[in-house]
Amino acid sequence: MAASALSALVVSTLALVVLPARAADNPAPQEVRLDLRIAGLGSGGCEIEVKPAYAGCRFTPVRGRVGSEGNKVVKLDDVRTNSADRECAFAITIREPGQAARTIKRGLRLSTPKTPKSPATLTCFINSPSSIARAEERGRLRR
């Protein structure tokens, strides 16, 4: 009897130490606002697409247009993550006429379900593909 109690204690201790923590199987959706600030856009502006950067983060992809001023707030209402640390990553693709598409990844840690429901805001400062091309032509871009 003592041996079975001891083995149960060892197994439960190993389960706590060895197995990683898991997020809830069906996490509640959260609202996230991406404040995009795109520098160096031409007069035609650009097209953007925001989608999950990895499989653990889920939300409905969003497409939109950004004018020449380069400012846009993208509201995502259904962001979910399966990550135990509540991390979510966003792949932001910028398509500008006459330039190759450029994808930038940004991450954010979502709030716990116990905190008040205020939307998380992530400000993203991004250089446009055309401004990077101009900098490369002038030899000012350092890597």
N, C-alpha and C. Protein backbone atom coordinates (compact mmCIF):
# COMPACT_ATOMS: atom_id res chain seq x y z
N MET A 1 0.82 -1.18 0.00
CA MET A 1 0.00 0.00 0.00
C MET A 1 0.87 1.26 0.00
N ALA A 2 1.92 1.22 0.78
CA ALA A 2 2.83 2.37 0.84
C ALA A 2 3.53 2.55 -0.50
N ALA A 3 3.85 1.43 -1.15
CA ALA A 3 4.53 1.51 -2.44
C ALA A 3 3.63 2.14 -3.50
N SER A 4 2.35 1.81 -3.48
CA SER A 4 1.44 2.40 -4.48
C SER A 4 1.22 3.89 -4.21
N ALA A 5 1.17 4.29 -2.96
CA ALA A 5 1.03 5.71 -2.63
C ALA A 5 2.27 6.48 -3.05
N LEU A 6 3.43 5.87 -2.82
CA LEU A 6 4.69 6.51 -3.21
C LEU A 6 4.80 6.64 -4.73
N SER A 7 4.40 5.61 -5.47
CA SER A 7 4.47 5.69 -6.93
C SER A 7 3.49 6.72 -7.48
N ALA A 8 2.32 6.86 -6.86
CA ALA A 8 1.36 7.87 -7.30
C ALA A 8 1.91 9.28 -7.06
N LEU A 9 2.61 9.47 -5.94
CA LEU A 9 3.22 10.76 -5.63
C LEU A 9 4.32 11.09 -6.64
N VAL A 10 5.14 10.11 -7.00
CA VAL A 10 6.22 10.33 -7.96
C VAL A 10 5.66 10.67 -9.33
N VAL A 11 4.63 9.96 -9.76
CA VAL A 11 4.04 10.19 -11.08
C VAL A 11 3.41 11.59 -11.14
N SER A 12 2.69 11.98 -10.10
CA SER A 12 2.06 13.29 -10.12
C SER A 12 3.09 14.41 -10.07
N THR A 13 4.18 14.22 -9.33
CA THR A 13 5.25 15.22 -9.27
C THR A 13 5.93 15.34 -10.63
N LEU A 14 6.21 14.23 -11.29
CA LEU A 14 6.83 14.27 -12.61
C LEU A 14 5.91 14.94 -13.62
N ALA A 15 4.62 14.71 -13.50
CA ALA A 15 3.68 15.34 -14.43
C ALA A 15 3.71 16.85 -14.29
N LEU A 16 3.87 17.35 -13.08
CA LEU A 16 3.93 18.79 -12.87
C LEU A 16 5.25 19.39 -13.33
N VAL A 17 6.33 18.65 -13.19
CA VAL A 17 7.66 19.17 -13.51
C VAL A 17 7.98 19.01 -14.99
N VAL A 18 7.70 17.87 -15.56
CA VAL A 18 8.14 17.55 -16.92
C VAL A 18 7.20 18.08 -17.99
N LEU A 19 5.90 17.96 -17.78
CA LEU A 19 4.95 18.35 -18.81
C LEU A 19 4.80 19.86 -18.85
N PRO A 20 4.81 20.46 -20.04
CA PRO A 20 4.65 21.91 -20.13
C PRO A 20 3.23 22.35 -19.81
N ALA A 21 3.11 23.60 -19.40
CA ALA A 21 1.79 24.16 -19.13
C ALA A 21 1.05 24.34 -20.45
N ARG A 22 -0.26 24.14 -20.42
CA ARG A 22 -1.06 24.29 -21.63
C ARG A 22 -2.09 25.37 -21.44
N ALA A 23 -2.36 26.07 -22.50
CA ALA A 23 -3.44 27.06 -22.46
C ALA A 23 -4.76 26.32 -22.55
N ALA A 24 -5.81 27.02 -22.32
CA ALA A 24 -7.14 26.42 -22.42
C ALA A 24 -7.37 25.91 -23.84
N ASP A 25 -8.11 24.81 -23.96
CA ASP A 25 -8.36 24.25 -25.28
C ASP A 25 -9.20 25.18 -26.15
N ASN A 26 -10.10 25.91 -25.54
CA ASN A 26 -10.94 26.83 -26.28
C ASN A 26 -10.87 28.21 -25.62
N PRO A 27 -9.78 28.96 -25.88
CA PRO A 27 -9.63 30.27 -25.23
C PRO A 27 -10.67 31.26 -25.71
N ALA A 28 -11.00 32.19 -24.83
CA ALA A 28 -11.99 33.22 -25.18
C ALA A 28 -11.37 34.19 -26.18
N PRO A 29 -12.16 34.66 -27.15
CA PRO A 29 -11.63 35.62 -28.12
C PRO A 29 -11.37 36.97 -27.46
N GLN A 30 -10.33 37.65 -27.93
CA GLN A 30 -9.99 38.96 -27.40
C GLN A 30 -9.91 39.95 -28.55
N GLU A 31 -10.05 41.22 -28.22
CA GLU A 31 -9.96 42.29 -29.22
C GLU A 31 -8.56 42.87 -29.20
N VAL A 32 -7.98 43.04 -30.39
CA VAL A 32 -6.65 43.64 -30.54
C VAL A 32 -6.75 44.72 -31.61
N ARG A 33 -6.10 45.84 -31.34
CA ARG A 33 -6.02 46.93 -32.32
C ARG A 33 -4.56 47.09 -32.74
N LEU A 34 -4.34 47.01 -34.04
CA LEU A 34 -3.00 47.26 -34.59
C LEU A 34 -3.00 48.67 -35.17
N ASP A 35 -2.15 49.51 -34.62
CA ASP A 35 -2.01 50.89 -35.09
C ASP A 35 -0.81 50.91 -36.04
N LEU A 36 -1.09 50.86 -37.34
CA LEU A 36 -0.03 50.80 -38.34
C LEU A 36 0.42 52.20 -38.72
N ARG A 37 1.72 52.42 -38.70
CA ARG A 37 2.33 53.69 -39.12
C ARG A 37 3.38 53.33 -40.17
N ILE A 38 3.04 53.52 -41.43
CA ILE A 38 3.91 53.12 -42.54
C ILE A 38 4.57 54.36 -43.11
N ALA A 39 5.89 54.42 -43.03
CA ALA A 39 6.65 55.58 -43.49
C ALA A 39 7.07 55.41 -44.94
N GLY A 40 7.08 56.51 -45.69
CA GLY A 40 7.63 56.53 -47.04
C GLY A 40 6.72 56.05 -48.13
N LEU A 41 5.41 56.04 -47.92
CA LEU A 41 4.49 55.59 -48.97
C LEU A 41 4.39 56.64 -50.07
N GLY A 42 4.19 56.17 -51.29
CA GLY A 42 3.97 57.07 -52.42
C GLY A 42 2.55 57.59 -52.41
N SER A 43 2.21 58.36 -53.42
CA SER A 43 0.87 58.97 -53.48
C SER A 43 -0.23 57.93 -53.65
N GLY A 44 0.10 56.74 -54.16
CA GLY A 44 -0.90 55.70 -54.36
C GLY A 44 -1.21 54.90 -53.12
N GLY A 45 -0.45 55.08 -52.04
CA GLY A 45 -0.67 54.30 -50.83
C GLY A 45 -0.27 52.85 -51.03
N CYS A 46 -0.90 51.94 -50.29
CA CYS A 46 -0.57 50.52 -50.40
C CYS A 46 -1.74 49.67 -49.94
N GLU A 47 -1.67 48.39 -50.23
CA GLU A 47 -2.61 47.39 -49.76
C GLU A 47 -1.94 46.64 -48.62
N ILE A 48 -2.70 46.34 -47.57
CA ILE A 48 -2.15 45.57 -46.46
C ILE A 48 -2.99 44.32 -46.24
N GLU A 49 -2.35 43.31 -45.67
CA GLU A 49 -3.03 42.10 -45.25
C GLU A 49 -2.46 41.71 -43.90
N VAL A 50 -3.32 41.47 -42.92
CA VAL A 50 -2.90 41.05 -41.59
C VAL A 50 -3.46 39.65 -41.37
N LYS A 51 -2.58 38.70 -41.07
CA LYS A 51 -3.01 37.33 -40.81
C LYS A 51 -2.14 36.74 -39.71
N PRO A 52 -2.55 35.59 -39.13
CA PRO A 52 -1.75 34.99 -38.07
C PRO A 52 -0.37 34.57 -38.60
N ALA A 53 0.66 34.77 -37.76
CA ALA A 53 2.01 34.44 -38.17
C ALA A 53 2.37 32.99 -37.87
N TYR A 54 1.63 32.33 -36.99
CA TYR A 54 1.86 30.91 -36.72
C TYR A 54 0.55 30.25 -36.33
N ALA A 55 0.55 28.92 -36.30
CA ALA A 55 -0.70 28.18 -36.13
C ALA A 55 -1.32 28.31 -34.75
N GLY A 56 -0.56 28.66 -33.72
CA GLY A 56 -1.10 28.78 -32.38
C GLY A 56 -1.95 30.02 -32.18
N CYS A 57 -1.84 30.98 -33.06
CA CYS A 57 -2.61 32.22 -32.99
C CYS A 57 -3.66 32.18 -34.09
N ARG A 58 -4.92 32.48 -33.72
CA ARG A 58 -6.00 32.40 -34.71
C ARG A 58 -6.84 33.66 -34.68
N PHE A 59 -7.17 34.15 -35.88
CA PHE A 59 -8.14 35.22 -36.07
C PHE A 59 -8.45 35.31 -37.55
N THR A 60 -9.50 36.01 -37.89
CA THR A 60 -9.89 36.18 -39.28
C THR A 60 -8.94 37.16 -39.96
N PRO A 61 -8.27 36.75 -41.05
CA PRO A 61 -7.37 37.67 -41.75
C PRO A 61 -8.12 38.92 -42.24
N VAL A 62 -7.40 40.04 -42.25
CA VAL A 62 -7.99 41.33 -42.64
C VAL A 62 -7.19 41.92 -43.78
N ARG A 63 -7.89 42.44 -44.77
CA ARG A 63 -7.25 43.16 -45.88
C ARG A 63 -7.78 44.58 -45.88
N GLY A 64 -6.94 45.50 -46.31
CA GLY A 64 -7.38 46.88 -46.35
C GLY A 64 -6.45 47.74 -47.17
N ARG A 65 -6.80 48.99 -47.27
CA ARG A 65 -6.02 49.95 -48.04
C ARG A 65 -5.56 51.05 -47.10
N VAL A 66 -4.30 51.48 -47.29
CA VAL A 66 -3.72 52.57 -46.52
C VAL A 66 -3.39 53.68 -47.50
N GLY A 67 -3.83 54.89 -47.19
CA GLY A 67 -3.56 56.04 -48.06
C GLY A 67 -2.12 56.50 -47.94
N SER A 68 -1.79 57.56 -48.64
CA SER A 68 -0.41 58.06 -48.68
C SER A 68 0.07 58.58 -47.33
N GLU A 69 -0.86 58.90 -46.42
CA GLU A 69 -0.45 59.37 -45.09
C GLU A 69 0.18 58.25 -44.26
N GLY A 70 -0.16 56.99 -44.54
CA GLY A 70 0.49 55.85 -43.91
C GLY A 70 -0.06 55.44 -42.56
N ASN A 71 -1.20 55.95 -42.14
CA ASN A 71 -1.77 55.60 -40.84
C ASN A 71 -3.05 54.81 -41.01
N LYS A 72 -3.17 53.71 -40.25
CA LYS A 72 -4.40 52.91 -40.27
C LYS A 72 -4.49 52.11 -38.98
N VAL A 73 -5.67 52.05 -38.41
CA VAL A 73 -5.93 51.21 -37.24
C VAL A 73 -6.73 50.00 -37.71
N VAL A 74 -6.18 48.81 -37.48
CA VAL A 74 -6.83 47.56 -37.86
C VAL A 74 -7.39 46.94 -36.60
N LYS A 75 -8.71 46.69 -36.58
CA LYS A 75 -9.36 46.09 -35.41
C LYS A 75 -9.59 44.61 -35.67
N LEU A 76 -9.08 43.80 -34.77
CA LEU A 76 -9.26 42.35 -34.83
C LEU A 76 -10.09 41.95 -33.62
N ASP A 77 -11.30 41.42 -33.85
CA ASP A 77 -12.23 41.13 -32.76
C ASP A 77 -12.14 39.70 -32.23
N ASP A 78 -11.55 38.80 -32.97
CA ASP A 78 -11.62 37.38 -32.62
C ASP A 78 -10.25 36.74 -32.46
N VAL A 79 -9.33 37.40 -31.78
CA VAL A 79 -7.96 36.87 -31.62
C VAL A 79 -7.95 35.83 -30.51
N ARG A 80 -7.42 34.65 -30.82
CA ARG A 80 -7.30 33.54 -29.86
C ARG A 80 -5.89 32.97 -29.98
N THR A 81 -5.40 32.43 -28.87
CA THR A 81 -4.11 31.77 -28.90
C THR A 81 -4.15 30.51 -28.07
N ASN A 82 -3.43 29.49 -28.50
CA ASN A 82 -3.30 28.24 -27.75
C ASN A 82 -2.01 28.21 -26.94
N SER A 83 -1.23 29.25 -27.02
CA SER A 83 0.06 29.32 -26.35
C SER A 83 -0.15 29.47 -24.85
N ALA A 84 0.64 28.76 -24.05
CA ALA A 84 0.53 28.85 -22.60
C ALA A 84 0.92 30.23 -22.09
N ASP A 85 1.81 30.91 -22.80
CA ASP A 85 2.20 32.26 -22.36
C ASP A 85 1.37 33.35 -23.02
N ARG A 86 0.30 33.00 -23.71
CA ARG A 86 -0.67 33.90 -24.34
C ARG A 86 -0.06 34.78 -25.43
N GLU A 87 1.00 34.32 -26.07
CA GLU A 87 1.63 35.07 -27.15
C GLU A 87 0.85 34.90 -28.44
N CYS A 88 0.76 35.97 -29.21
CA CYS A 88 0.13 35.94 -30.52
C CYS A 88 0.99 36.75 -31.47
N ALA A 89 1.21 36.25 -32.67
CA ALA A 89 2.05 36.94 -33.65
C ALA A 89 1.23 37.26 -34.89
N PHE A 90 1.51 38.44 -35.46
CA PHE A 90 0.78 38.94 -36.61
C PHE A 90 1.74 39.10 -37.79
N ALA A 91 1.34 38.60 -38.96
CA ALA A 91 2.11 38.78 -40.20
C ALA A 91 1.42 39.89 -40.99
N ILE A 92 2.12 41.01 -41.15
CA ILE A 92 1.59 42.18 -41.84
C ILE A 92 2.28 42.27 -43.20
N THR A 93 1.52 42.07 -44.27
CA THR A 93 2.07 42.12 -45.62
C THR A 93 1.68 43.44 -46.28
N ILE A 94 2.69 44.13 -46.82
CA ILE A 94 2.47 45.41 -47.50
C ILE A 94 2.72 45.21 -48.98
N ARG A 95 1.74 45.58 -49.80
CA ARG A 95 1.87 45.51 -51.25
C ARG A 95 1.75 46.91 -51.81
N GLU A 96 2.84 47.38 -52.40
CA GLU A 96 2.89 48.72 -52.96
C GLU A 96 3.12 48.59 -54.47
N PRO A 97 2.45 49.40 -55.29
CA PRO A 97 2.61 49.29 -56.73
C PRO A 97 4.08 49.46 -57.15
N GLY A 98 4.54 48.54 -57.99
CA GLY A 98 5.90 48.60 -58.51
C GLY A 98 6.97 48.07 -57.57
N GLN A 99 6.59 47.52 -56.42
CA GLN A 99 7.55 47.01 -55.45
C GLN A 99 7.19 45.58 -55.08
N ALA A 100 8.20 44.85 -54.60
CA ALA A 100 7.94 43.49 -54.11
C ALA A 100 7.17 43.57 -52.79
N ALA A 101 6.32 42.59 -52.55
CA ALA A 101 5.57 42.54 -51.29
C ALA A 101 6.54 42.35 -50.14
N ARG A 102 6.23 42.98 -49.02
CA ARG A 102 7.09 42.90 -47.84
C ARG A 102 6.23 42.46 -46.66
N THR A 103 6.70 41.42 -45.92
CA THR A 103 5.97 40.92 -44.76
C THR A 103 6.78 41.19 -43.50
N ILE A 104 6.11 41.79 -42.53
CA ILE A 104 6.70 42.11 -41.25
C ILE A 104 5.94 41.31 -40.20
N LYS A 105 6.64 40.75 -39.21
CA LYS A 105 5.98 40.01 -38.13
C LYS A 105 6.16 40.78 -36.83
N ARG A 106 5.06 40.90 -36.10
CA ARG A 106 5.05 41.56 -34.80
C ARG A 106 4.28 40.69 -33.82
N GLY A 107 4.70 40.69 -32.57
CA GLY A 107 4.06 39.86 -31.56
C GLY A 107 3.50 40.66 -30.40
N LEU A 108 2.59 40.03 -29.68
CA LEU A 108 1.91 40.67 -28.57
C LEU A 108 1.48 39.59 -27.59
N ARG A 109 1.61 39.87 -26.31
CA ARG A 109 1.10 38.97 -25.28
C ARG A 109 -0.31 39.43 -24.91
N LEU A 110 -1.27 38.52 -25.07
CA LEU A 110 -2.67 38.84 -24.75
C LEU A 110 -2.88 38.86 -23.25
N SER A 111 -3.86 39.61 -22.80
CA SER A 111 -4.15 39.69 -21.37
C SER A 111 -4.80 38.40 -20.89
N THR A 112 -4.78 38.20 -19.59
CA THR A 112 -5.40 37.02 -19.02
C THR A 112 -6.92 37.17 -19.07
N PRO A 113 -7.64 36.07 -19.09
CA PRO A 113 -9.10 36.16 -19.14
C PRO A 113 -9.70 36.85 -17.91
N LYS A 114 -8.96 36.94 -16.81
CA LYS A 114 -9.48 37.53 -15.58
C LYS A 114 -9.43 39.06 -15.58
N THR A 115 -8.62 39.64 -16.47
CA THR A 115 -8.49 41.10 -16.49
C THR A 115 -9.67 41.73 -17.22
N PRO A 116 -9.94 43.02 -16.97
CA PRO A 116 -11.06 43.69 -17.66
C PRO A 116 -10.88 43.65 -19.17
N LYS A 117 -11.99 43.64 -19.86
CA LYS A 117 -11.99 43.53 -21.32
C LYS A 117 -11.70 44.88 -21.99
N SER A 118 -10.47 45.30 -22.01
CA SER A 118 -10.08 46.47 -22.79
C SER A 118 -9.19 45.97 -23.92
N PRO A 119 -9.37 46.47 -25.13
CA PRO A 119 -8.59 45.95 -26.25
C PRO A 119 -7.10 46.25 -26.12
N ALA A 120 -6.29 45.27 -26.45
CA ALA A 120 -4.85 45.46 -26.48
C ALA A 120 -4.50 46.25 -27.74
N THR A 121 -3.56 47.19 -27.63
CA THR A 121 -3.15 47.99 -28.78
C THR A 121 -1.67 47.80 -29.02
N LEU A 122 -1.32 47.53 -30.27
CA LEU A 122 0.07 47.37 -30.67
C LEU A 122 0.36 48.37 -31.79
N THR A 123 1.29 49.29 -31.54
CA THR A 123 1.68 50.26 -32.55
C THR A 123 2.86 49.70 -33.34
N CYS A 124 2.73 49.65 -34.65
CA CYS A 124 3.75 49.08 -35.53
C CYS A 124 4.31 50.18 -36.44
N PHE A 125 5.58 50.50 -36.28
CA PHE A 125 6.26 51.46 -37.13
C PHE A 125 6.98 50.67 -38.21
N ILE A 126 6.61 50.91 -39.48
CA ILE A 126 7.10 50.10 -40.60
C ILE A 126 7.57 51.02 -41.72
N ASN A 127 8.68 50.65 -42.36
CA ASN A 127 9.12 51.34 -43.57
C ASN A 127 8.46 50.69 -44.77
N SER A 128 8.02 51.50 -45.71
CA SER A 128 7.38 50.96 -46.90
C SER A 128 8.43 50.33 -47.82
N PRO A 129 8.02 49.40 -48.68
CA PRO A 129 8.96 48.80 -49.63
C PRO A 129 9.63 49.84 -50.52
N SER A 130 8.91 50.90 -50.91
CA SER A 130 9.51 51.91 -51.79
C SER A 130 10.56 52.74 -51.06
N SER A 131 10.37 53.03 -49.77
CA SER A 131 11.38 53.79 -49.04
C SER A 131 12.63 52.95 -48.82
N ILE A 132 12.49 51.66 -48.63
CA ILE A 132 13.65 50.78 -48.50
C ILE A 132 14.39 50.68 -49.82
N ALA A 133 13.65 50.60 -50.94
CA ALA A 133 14.29 50.54 -52.26
C ALA A 133 15.07 51.82 -52.54
N ARG A 134 14.51 52.98 -52.17
CA ARG A 134 15.23 54.25 -52.37
C ARG A 134 16.50 54.30 -51.52
N ALA A 135 16.43 53.81 -50.30
CA ALA A 135 17.61 53.81 -49.42
C ALA A 135 18.69 52.87 -49.96
N GLU A 136 18.28 51.72 -50.52
CA GLU A 136 19.26 50.80 -51.10
C GLU A 136 19.94 51.42 -52.32
N GLU A 137 19.19 52.15 -53.14
CA GLU A 137 19.75 52.79 -54.32
C GLU A 137 20.79 53.83 -53.92
N ARG A 138 20.55 54.55 -52.86
CA ARG A 138 21.47 55.58 -52.40
C ARG A 138 22.63 55.03 -51.58
N GLY A 139 22.56 53.75 -51.23
CA GLY A 139 23.62 53.13 -50.46
C GLY A 139 23.59 53.49 -48.99
N ARG A 140 22.43 53.94 -48.49
CA ARG A 140 22.33 54.33 -47.09
C ARG A 140 21.86 53.22 -46.18
N LEU A 141 21.43 52.11 -46.73
CA LEU A 141 20.89 51.04 -45.93
C LEU A 141 22.02 50.18 -45.40
N ARG A 142 22.07 50.00 -44.10
CA ARG A 142 23.09 49.15 -43.48
C ARG A 142 22.43 47.90 -42.96
N ARG A 143 23.10 46.80 -43.11
CA ARG A 143 22.58 45.52 -42.62
C ARG A 143 23.47 44.95 -41.58
